């Protein structure tokens, strides 16, 4: 706060859910680890970075993400404009992209 004059909180711009049994079954997942992307803000970092509804976030900067609360806590460690590496599942395949947080 002293450095910037206000709290600098990064955001990904997503609505998220824990991976439920129903989501795991629908996407043929082997575990309930990860976070389901339920919605994206059109001007959000995740949307602009190429994420899609239905993606399952597995890790941020190589730290495994097992729940929605873990994802929120991890993003809270960053500032706007920080770049993070996101590993996620899409169509059963693991992918990694870099996203510039807002």
N, C-alpha and C. Protein backbone atom coordinates (compact mmCIF):
# COMPACT_ATOMS: atom_id res chain seq x y z
N UNK A 1 0.84 -1.19 0.00
CA UNK A 1 0.00 0.00 0.00
C UNK A 1 0.88 1.25 0.00
N UNK A 2 1.95 1.23 0.77
CA UNK A 2 2.83 2.40 0.80
C UNK A 2 3.46 2.67 -0.56
N UNK A 3 3.85 1.61 -1.23
CA UNK A 3 4.53 1.77 -2.52
C UNK A 3 3.59 2.28 -3.61
N UNK A 4 2.35 1.78 -3.64
CA UNK A 4 1.43 2.10 -4.73
C UNK A 4 0.30 3.05 -4.33
N UNK A 5 0.10 3.29 -3.04
CA UNK A 5 -0.98 4.15 -2.60
C UNK A 5 -2.30 3.44 -2.41
N UNK A 6 -2.39 2.21 -2.88
CA UNK A 6 -3.59 1.39 -2.70
C UNK A 6 -3.17 -0.07 -2.84
N UNK A 7 -4.06 -0.96 -2.46
CA UNK A 7 -3.77 -2.39 -2.59
C UNK A 7 -3.74 -2.75 -4.07
N UNK A 8 -2.72 -3.47 -4.49
CA UNK A 8 -2.56 -3.91 -5.87
C UNK A 8 -2.86 -5.40 -5.93
N UNK A 9 -4.07 -5.76 -6.32
CA UNK A 9 -4.46 -7.16 -6.37
C UNK A 9 -4.65 -7.59 -7.82
N UNK A 10 -4.01 -8.67 -8.16
CA UNK A 10 -4.15 -9.22 -9.50
C UNK A 10 -5.45 -10.01 -9.58
N UNK A 11 -5.98 -10.10 -10.80
CA UNK A 11 -7.12 -10.99 -11.00
C UNK A 11 -7.02 -11.68 -12.34
N UNK A 12 -7.58 -12.88 -12.36
CA UNK A 12 -7.55 -13.73 -13.54
C UNK A 12 -8.79 -13.50 -14.40
N UNK A 13 -9.89 -13.09 -13.78
CA UNK A 13 -11.11 -12.81 -14.54
C UNK A 13 -11.90 -14.06 -14.89
N UNK A 14 -12.07 -14.94 -13.90
CA UNK A 14 -12.78 -16.20 -14.13
C UNK A 14 -13.79 -16.46 -13.03
N UNK A 15 -14.82 -17.21 -13.36
CA UNK A 15 -15.70 -17.83 -12.37
C UNK A 15 -15.27 -19.29 -12.31
N UNK A 16 -15.05 -19.78 -11.09
CA UNK A 16 -14.47 -21.11 -10.94
C UNK A 16 -15.29 -21.99 -10.00
N UNK A 17 -15.10 -23.28 -10.16
CA UNK A 17 -15.71 -24.27 -9.28
C UNK A 17 -14.68 -25.35 -8.99
N UNK A 18 -14.80 -25.98 -7.83
CA UNK A 18 -14.02 -27.19 -7.60
C UNK A 18 -14.47 -28.24 -8.59
N UNK A 19 -13.58 -29.18 -8.90
CA UNK A 19 -13.94 -30.28 -9.78
C UNK A 19 -14.82 -31.24 -8.98
N UNK A 20 -16.07 -31.36 -9.39
CA UNK A 20 -17.02 -32.26 -8.73
C UNK A 20 -16.99 -33.63 -9.41
N UNK A 21 -17.67 -34.58 -8.82
CA UNK A 21 -17.79 -35.90 -9.44
C UNK A 21 -18.42 -35.79 -10.83
N UNK A 22 -19.43 -34.92 -10.96
CA UNK A 22 -20.11 -34.74 -12.24
C UNK A 22 -19.17 -34.17 -13.30
N UNK A 23 -18.38 -33.16 -12.92
CA UNK A 23 -17.42 -32.56 -13.85
C UNK A 23 -16.35 -33.59 -14.22
N UNK A 24 -15.86 -34.32 -13.23
CA UNK A 24 -14.84 -35.34 -13.49
C UNK A 24 -15.36 -36.39 -14.46
N UNK A 25 -16.60 -36.79 -14.28
CA UNK A 25 -17.19 -37.79 -15.17
C UNK A 25 -17.39 -37.22 -16.57
N UNK A 26 -17.92 -36.01 -16.66
CA UNK A 26 -18.18 -35.37 -17.97
C UNK A 26 -16.89 -35.21 -18.78
N UNK A 27 -15.79 -34.84 -18.11
CA UNK A 27 -14.53 -34.58 -18.81
C UNK A 27 -13.55 -35.76 -18.71
N UNK A 28 -14.02 -36.90 -18.18
CA UNK A 28 -13.22 -38.11 -18.08
C UNK A 28 -11.92 -37.87 -17.31
N UNK A 29 -12.03 -37.20 -16.16
CA UNK A 29 -10.87 -36.88 -15.34
C UNK A 29 -10.58 -38.04 -14.39
N UNK A 30 -9.30 -38.23 -14.09
CA UNK A 30 -8.90 -39.33 -13.21
C UNK A 30 -8.98 -38.97 -11.73
N UNK A 31 -9.06 -37.66 -11.43
CA UNK A 31 -9.15 -37.23 -10.03
C UNK A 31 -10.01 -35.96 -9.94
N UNK A 32 -10.24 -35.53 -8.71
CA UNK A 32 -11.00 -34.30 -8.48
C UNK A 32 -10.09 -33.10 -8.28
N UNK A 33 -8.78 -33.29 -8.51
CA UNK A 33 -7.83 -32.17 -8.40
C UNK A 33 -8.03 -31.20 -9.55
N UNK A 34 -7.74 -29.92 -9.28
CA UNK A 34 -7.87 -28.90 -10.31
C UNK A 34 -9.07 -28.02 -10.07
N UNK A 35 -9.21 -27.02 -10.95
CA UNK A 35 -10.30 -26.05 -10.82
C UNK A 35 -10.97 -25.87 -12.18
N UNK A 36 -12.28 -26.02 -12.20
CA UNK A 36 -13.07 -25.91 -13.42
C UNK A 36 -13.37 -24.44 -13.73
N UNK A 37 -13.09 -24.02 -14.96
CA UNK A 37 -13.41 -22.66 -15.40
C UNK A 37 -14.87 -22.65 -15.88
N UNK A 38 -15.74 -22.03 -15.09
CA UNK A 38 -17.17 -22.01 -15.39
C UNK A 38 -17.55 -20.84 -16.30
N UNK A 39 -16.79 -19.73 -16.19
CA UNK A 39 -17.08 -18.56 -17.00
C UNK A 39 -15.84 -17.68 -17.06
N UNK A 40 -15.78 -16.84 -18.09
CA UNK A 40 -14.65 -15.92 -18.29
C UNK A 40 -15.17 -14.51 -18.50
N UNK A 41 -14.51 -13.54 -17.88
CA UNK A 41 -14.82 -12.14 -18.18
C UNK A 41 -14.17 -11.79 -19.51
N UNK A 42 -14.91 -11.13 -20.38
CA UNK A 42 -14.41 -10.83 -21.73
C UNK A 42 -13.18 -9.93 -21.71
N UNK A 43 -13.02 -9.11 -20.68
CA UNK A 43 -11.82 -8.27 -20.61
C UNK A 43 -10.83 -8.80 -19.58
N UNK A 44 -11.02 -10.03 -19.14
CA UNK A 44 -10.17 -10.61 -18.11
C UNK A 44 -8.89 -11.21 -18.67
N UNK A 45 -7.95 -11.42 -17.79
CA UNK A 45 -6.64 -11.94 -18.16
C UNK A 45 -6.73 -13.35 -18.77
N UNK A 46 -7.55 -14.21 -18.18
CA UNK A 46 -7.66 -15.58 -18.67
C UNK A 46 -8.23 -15.62 -20.09
N UNK A 47 -9.26 -14.83 -20.35
CA UNK A 47 -9.87 -14.76 -21.69
C UNK A 47 -8.85 -14.27 -22.70
N UNK A 48 -8.17 -13.18 -22.37
CA UNK A 48 -7.19 -12.60 -23.28
C UNK A 48 -5.99 -13.51 -23.47
N UNK A 49 -5.72 -14.35 -22.47
CA UNK A 49 -4.61 -15.30 -22.56
C UNK A 49 -4.94 -16.56 -23.32
N UNK A 50 -6.22 -16.76 -23.63
CA UNK A 50 -6.60 -17.92 -24.44
C UNK A 50 -7.30 -19.04 -23.71
N UNK A 51 -7.62 -18.86 -22.44
CA UNK A 51 -8.35 -19.91 -21.74
C UNK A 51 -9.80 -19.94 -22.21
N UNK A 52 -10.45 -21.08 -22.01
CA UNK A 52 -11.83 -21.28 -22.44
C UNK A 52 -12.66 -21.85 -21.31
N UNK A 53 -13.97 -21.62 -21.37
CA UNK A 53 -14.89 -22.25 -20.43
C UNK A 53 -14.74 -23.76 -20.58
N UNK A 54 -14.65 -24.45 -19.44
CA UNK A 54 -14.48 -25.90 -19.45
C UNK A 54 -13.04 -26.34 -19.22
N UNK A 55 -12.10 -25.41 -19.33
CA UNK A 55 -10.71 -25.75 -19.01
C UNK A 55 -10.61 -26.11 -17.53
N UNK A 56 -9.68 -27.00 -17.21
CA UNK A 56 -9.43 -27.41 -15.83
C UNK A 56 -8.02 -26.95 -15.46
N UNK A 57 -7.91 -25.97 -14.57
CA UNK A 57 -6.60 -25.47 -14.14
C UNK A 57 -5.96 -26.51 -13.23
N UNK A 58 -4.72 -26.90 -13.58
CA UNK A 58 -3.98 -27.90 -12.81
C UNK A 58 -2.88 -27.28 -11.96
N UNK A 59 -2.23 -26.22 -12.49
CA UNK A 59 -1.15 -25.59 -11.73
C UNK A 59 -0.93 -24.15 -12.18
N UNK A 60 -0.36 -23.38 -11.28
CA UNK A 60 0.07 -22.00 -11.55
C UNK A 60 1.55 -21.95 -11.19
N UNK A 61 2.38 -21.57 -12.16
CA UNK A 61 3.83 -21.52 -11.93
C UNK A 61 4.34 -22.79 -11.26
N UNK A 62 3.90 -23.92 -11.78
CA UNK A 62 4.32 -25.26 -11.33
C UNK A 62 3.88 -25.63 -9.92
N UNK A 63 2.95 -24.86 -9.33
CA UNK A 63 2.37 -25.25 -8.05
C UNK A 63 1.01 -25.87 -8.32
N UNK A 64 0.85 -27.13 -7.96
CA UNK A 64 -0.42 -27.82 -8.19
C UNK A 64 -1.56 -27.08 -7.50
N UNK A 65 -2.67 -26.98 -8.21
CA UNK A 65 -3.87 -26.34 -7.69
C UNK A 65 -4.93 -27.43 -7.55
N UNK A 66 -5.39 -27.66 -6.33
CA UNK A 66 -6.35 -28.74 -6.09
C UNK A 66 -7.76 -28.26 -5.85
N UNK A 67 -7.92 -26.94 -5.58
CA UNK A 67 -9.27 -26.43 -5.26
C UNK A 67 -9.40 -24.97 -5.67
N UNK A 68 -10.63 -24.51 -5.71
CA UNK A 68 -10.91 -23.11 -6.05
C UNK A 68 -10.25 -22.17 -5.05
N UNK A 69 -10.28 -22.52 -3.77
CA UNK A 69 -9.66 -21.65 -2.77
C UNK A 69 -8.15 -21.58 -2.96
N UNK A 70 -7.52 -22.68 -3.34
CA UNK A 70 -6.07 -22.66 -3.60
C UNK A 70 -5.75 -21.76 -4.79
N UNK A 71 -6.59 -21.79 -5.82
CA UNK A 71 -6.36 -20.92 -6.98
C UNK A 71 -6.47 -19.46 -6.57
N UNK A 72 -7.49 -19.12 -5.79
CA UNK A 72 -7.67 -17.74 -5.34
C UNK A 72 -6.49 -17.28 -4.49
N UNK A 73 -6.02 -18.14 -3.60
CA UNK A 73 -4.87 -17.81 -2.75
C UNK A 73 -3.61 -17.60 -3.59
N UNK A 74 -3.40 -18.45 -4.59
CA UNK A 74 -2.21 -18.34 -5.43
C UNK A 74 -2.24 -17.04 -6.23
N UNK A 75 -3.36 -16.70 -6.84
CA UNK A 75 -3.47 -15.46 -7.63
C UNK A 75 -3.26 -14.25 -6.74
N UNK A 76 -3.70 -14.33 -5.48
CA UNK A 76 -3.56 -13.21 -4.55
C UNK A 76 -2.09 -12.89 -4.24
N UNK A 77 -1.19 -13.80 -4.54
CA UNK A 77 0.24 -13.57 -4.31
C UNK A 77 0.86 -12.64 -5.35
N UNK A 78 0.14 -12.39 -6.43
CA UNK A 78 0.68 -11.63 -7.55
C UNK A 78 0.10 -10.22 -7.62
N UNK A 79 0.73 -9.40 -8.45
CA UNK A 79 0.26 -8.03 -8.72
C UNK A 79 -0.22 -7.95 -10.17
N UNK A 80 -1.03 -6.94 -10.48
CA UNK A 80 -1.41 -6.72 -11.88
C UNK A 80 -0.16 -6.63 -12.76
N UNK A 81 -0.27 -7.17 -13.95
CA UNK A 81 0.79 -7.21 -14.98
C UNK A 81 1.84 -8.29 -14.73
N UNK A 82 1.79 -9.01 -13.61
CA UNK A 82 2.67 -10.16 -13.44
C UNK A 82 2.26 -11.21 -14.47
N UNK A 83 3.23 -11.96 -14.95
CA UNK A 83 2.95 -13.02 -15.91
C UNK A 83 3.08 -14.36 -15.18
N UNK A 84 2.05 -15.18 -15.33
CA UNK A 84 2.04 -16.50 -14.69
C UNK A 84 1.94 -17.58 -15.76
N UNK A 85 2.48 -18.75 -15.44
CA UNK A 85 2.32 -19.90 -16.32
C UNK A 85 1.18 -20.76 -15.77
N UNK A 86 0.19 -21.00 -16.61
CA UNK A 86 -0.97 -21.79 -16.21
C UNK A 86 -0.96 -23.11 -16.96
N UNK A 87 -0.99 -24.20 -16.21
CA UNK A 87 -1.16 -25.51 -16.82
C UNK A 87 -2.61 -25.91 -16.65
N UNK A 88 -3.21 -26.40 -17.74
CA UNK A 88 -4.63 -26.75 -17.68
C UNK A 88 -4.91 -27.91 -18.63
N UNK A 89 -6.07 -28.52 -18.41
CA UNK A 89 -6.56 -29.58 -19.30
C UNK A 89 -7.62 -29.01 -20.21
N UNK A 90 -7.52 -29.34 -21.49
CA UNK A 90 -8.57 -29.01 -22.46
C UNK A 90 -8.68 -30.20 -23.40
N UNK A 91 -9.88 -30.70 -23.54
CA UNK A 91 -10.12 -31.86 -24.41
C UNK A 91 -9.20 -33.02 -24.05
N UNK A 92 -8.97 -33.21 -22.74
CA UNK A 92 -8.18 -34.33 -22.28
C UNK A 92 -6.67 -34.17 -22.41
N UNK A 93 -6.22 -33.02 -22.93
CA UNK A 93 -4.80 -32.80 -23.13
C UNK A 93 -4.29 -31.67 -22.23
N UNK A 94 -3.12 -31.90 -21.61
CA UNK A 94 -2.50 -30.89 -20.78
C UNK A 94 -1.83 -29.83 -21.67
N UNK A 95 -2.04 -28.57 -21.32
CA UNK A 95 -1.44 -27.46 -22.05
C UNK A 95 -0.90 -26.45 -21.06
N UNK A 96 0.05 -25.63 -21.51
CA UNK A 96 0.57 -24.53 -20.68
C UNK A 96 0.53 -23.24 -21.50
N UNK A 97 0.12 -22.16 -20.83
CA UNK A 97 0.16 -20.84 -21.45
C UNK A 97 0.62 -19.83 -20.42
N UNK A 98 1.15 -18.73 -20.91
CA UNK A 98 1.52 -17.61 -20.05
C UNK A 98 0.42 -16.57 -20.12
N UNK A 99 0.01 -16.08 -18.96
CA UNK A 99 -1.07 -15.09 -18.86
C UNK A 99 -0.57 -13.89 -18.08
N UNK A 100 -0.82 -12.70 -18.62
CA UNK A 100 -0.50 -11.46 -17.95
C UNK A 100 -1.72 -11.06 -17.11
N UNK A 101 -1.55 -11.06 -15.80
CA UNK A 101 -2.66 -10.74 -14.90
C UNK A 101 -3.10 -9.29 -15.02
N UNK A 102 -4.36 -9.04 -14.71
CA UNK A 102 -4.90 -7.69 -14.72
C UNK A 102 -4.86 -7.11 -13.33
